[in-house]
């Protein structure tokens, strides 16, 4: 058993391909790198910025509540949110 290279412990071998304007064959890079900024620049920006106003959002319409009990042999799936479902049997 060999010794793992710490640089590659959490990643695959990566992508290699043809050289382009923002790819040197093994690594991608920004074409127009931004100027280096200090942490003090962040604090100045946070303390001096004017946050945008929130838009008035429409109220959500909720569906019916889940059933208290389900008939034997039946299955009910209710959407909860994003990728979550309540499955009752």
Protein backbone atom coordinates (compact mmCIF):
# COMPACT_ATOMS: atom_id res chain seq x y z
CA UNK A 1 0.00 0.00 0.00
CA UNK A 2 1.44 3.37 -1.00
CA UNK A 3 1.40 6.67 0.85
CA UNK A 4 -1.32 9.08 -0.22
CA UNK A 5 -0.30 12.45 -1.57
CA UNK A 6 -1.97 15.00 0.78
CA UNK A 7 -2.60 17.32 -2.17
CA UNK A 8 -4.88 14.77 -3.86
CA UNK A 9 -6.60 13.20 -0.84
CA UNK A 10 -9.94 14.98 -1.37
CA UNK A 11 -10.06 15.26 -5.15
CA UNK A 12 -9.80 13.24 -8.31
CA UNK A 13 -6.95 13.56 -10.75
CA UNK A 14 -8.70 16.55 -12.27
CA UNK A 15 -9.33 17.56 -15.84
CA UNK A 16 -6.71 17.86 -18.52
CA UNK A 17 -7.44 19.09 -22.00
CA UNK A 18 -6.51 21.52 -24.72
CA UNK A 19 -4.96 24.85 -23.76
CA UNK A 20 -7.29 27.83 -24.10
CA UNK A 21 -7.56 31.48 -23.11
CA UNK A 22 -8.41 30.65 -19.49
CA UNK A 23 -7.03 27.10 -19.24
CA UNK A 24 -3.36 26.13 -19.23
CA UNK A 25 -3.96 22.41 -19.81
CA UNK A 26 -4.45 21.46 -16.15
CA UNK A 27 -5.81 24.53 -14.30
CA UNK A 28 -8.52 27.08 -15.05
CA UNK A 29 -7.98 30.76 -14.18
CA UNK A 30 -9.91 34.02 -14.49
CA UNK A 31 -9.16 35.91 -17.68
CA UNK A 32 -9.44 39.27 -15.93
CA UNK A 33 -8.19 38.78 -12.36
CA UNK A 34 -9.50 41.35 -9.90
CA UNK A 35 -7.16 43.47 -7.79
CA UNK A 36 -6.11 41.95 -4.48
CA UNK A 37 -8.14 43.38 -1.64
CA UNK A 38 -7.59 43.45 2.10
CA UNK A 39 -10.02 42.39 4.81
CA UNK A 40 -10.26 46.07 5.80
CA UNK A 41 -11.77 46.77 2.34
CA UNK A 42 -14.56 44.31 3.16
CA UNK A 43 -15.32 46.03 6.47
CA UNK A 44 -15.37 49.44 4.73
CA UNK A 45 -17.77 48.14 2.09
CA UNK A 46 -20.11 46.55 4.67
CA UNK A 47 -20.22 49.66 6.84
CA UNK A 48 -20.67 52.14 3.96
CA UNK A 49 -23.02 50.31 1.61
CA UNK A 50 -26.71 51.05 1.15
CA UNK A 51 -28.57 47.74 0.96
CA UNK A 52 -31.29 47.52 -1.72
CA UNK A 53 -34.94 47.62 -0.67
CA UNK A 54 -36.72 44.26 -0.45
CA UNK A 55 -39.45 43.66 -2.98
CA UNK A 56 -42.95 43.00 -1.66
CA UNK A 57 -43.42 39.26 -1.98
CA UNK A 58 -46.73 37.58 -2.59
CA UNK A 59 -47.97 35.44 0.26
CA UNK A 60 -47.72 31.69 -0.21
CA UNK A 61 -50.82 29.60 -0.49
CA UNK A 62 -50.48 26.46 1.58
CA UNK A 63 -51.97 23.18 0.51
CA UNK A 64 -54.12 20.95 2.69
CA UNK A 65 -52.65 19.54 5.89
CA UNK A 66 -51.44 15.92 5.79
CA UNK A 67 -54.02 13.30 6.72
CA UNK A 68 -54.16 12.18 10.34
CA UNK A 69 -54.45 8.54 9.30
CA UNK A 70 -54.29 6.62 6.03
CA UNK A 71 -56.48 3.70 5.00
CA UNK A 72 -54.70 0.33 5.06
CA UNK A 73 -53.04 -0.45 1.73
CA UNK A 74 -52.99 3.23 0.63
CA UNK A 75 -50.01 5.54 0.19
CA UNK A 76 -50.06 9.35 0.28
CA UNK A 77 -47.05 11.50 -0.68
CA UNK A 78 -47.13 15.18 0.26
CA UNK A 79 -44.61 17.72 -1.05
CA UNK A 80 -42.83 19.45 1.85
CA UNK A 81 -40.27 21.64 0.14
CA UNK A 82 -37.43 21.64 -2.40
CA UNK A 83 -36.67 17.90 -2.50
CA UNK A 84 -38.58 16.70 0.57
CA UNK A 85 -41.73 14.63 0.69
CA UNK A 86 -43.84 13.24 3.53
CA UNK A 87 -44.74 9.65 2.65
CA UNK A 88 -47.60 8.18 4.67
CA UNK A 89 -48.62 4.51 4.49
